[in-house]
Amino acid sequence: MGFLQVDRSTRIRHQPFTVAAVGFAGLLVVILKGNEVRGLLLGIVKQALSL
């Protein structure tokens, strides 16, 4: 096997983690698109920059 080659059992073992990570990323996108969260984050950044 070469440096970047991965056997099938390794791919199968890591697949659930990849699916979970993609799902979590999608959930974060939905949450961060909300106006309440955006306003909260903007307030935190403004406060941090005003120090």
Protein backbone atom coordinates (compact mmCIF):
# COMPACT_ATOMS: atom_id res chain seq x y z
CA MET A 1 0.00 0.00 0.00
CA GLY A 2 1.18 3.50 -0.82
CA PHE A 3 1.32 6.49 1.49
CA LEU A 4 -2.16 7.85 0.72
CA GLN A 5 -3.89 4.54 0.11
CA VAL A 6 -6.35 3.37 2.74
CA ASP A 7 -7.76 -0.12 2.93
CA ARG A 8 -11.50 -0.71 2.77
CA SER A 9 -11.92 -1.62 6.44
CA THR A 10 -10.45 1.73 7.50
CA ARG A 11 -12.84 3.62 5.23
CA ILE A 12 -15.81 1.66 6.56
CA ARG A 13 -14.70 2.28 10.13
CA HIS A 14 -14.45 6.07 9.60
CA GLN A 15 -17.60 6.49 7.53
CA PRO A 16 -20.03 7.01 10.48
CA PHE A 17 -17.80 9.75 11.86
CA THR A 18 -17.73 11.50 8.49
CA VAL A 19 -21.51 11.34 8.18
CA ALA A 20 -21.92 12.68 11.71
CA ALA A 21 -19.47 15.53 11.04
CA VAL A 22 -21.33 16.55 7.88
CA GLY A 23 -24.64 16.47 9.74
CA PHE A 24 -23.22 18.57 12.55
CA ALA A 25 -21.82 21.09 10.06
CA GLY A 26 -25.23 21.37 8.42
CA LEU A 27 -26.86 21.96 11.77
CA LEU A 28 -24.33 24.69 12.58
CA VAL A 29 -25.06 26.41 9.26
CA VAL A 30 -28.79 26.44 10.02
CA ILE A 31 -28.21 27.78 13.53
CA LEU A 32 -25.75 30.46 12.46
CA LYS A 33 -28.06 31.70 9.70
CA GLY A 34 -30.63 32.71 12.31
CA ASN A 35 -30.98 36.42 13.03
CA GLU A 36 -30.82 35.97 16.81
CA VAL A 37 -27.51 34.15 16.69
CA ARG A 38 -26.13 36.59 14.12
CA GLY A 39 -27.08 39.53 16.36
CA LEU A 40 -25.54 37.86 19.39
CA LEU A 41 -22.27 37.14 17.59
CA LEU A 42 -22.17 40.67 16.14
CA GLY A 43 -22.62 42.10 19.63
CA ILE A 44 -19.77 39.98 20.97
CA VAL A 45 -17.46 41.07 18.14
CA LYS A 46 -18.39 44.76 18.56
CA GLN A 47 -17.77 44.56 22.29
CA ALA A 48 -14.42 42.85 21.76
CA LEU A 49 -13.32 45.46 19.23
CA SER A 50 -14.34 48.37 21.47
CA LEU A 51 -11.93 47.34 24.26
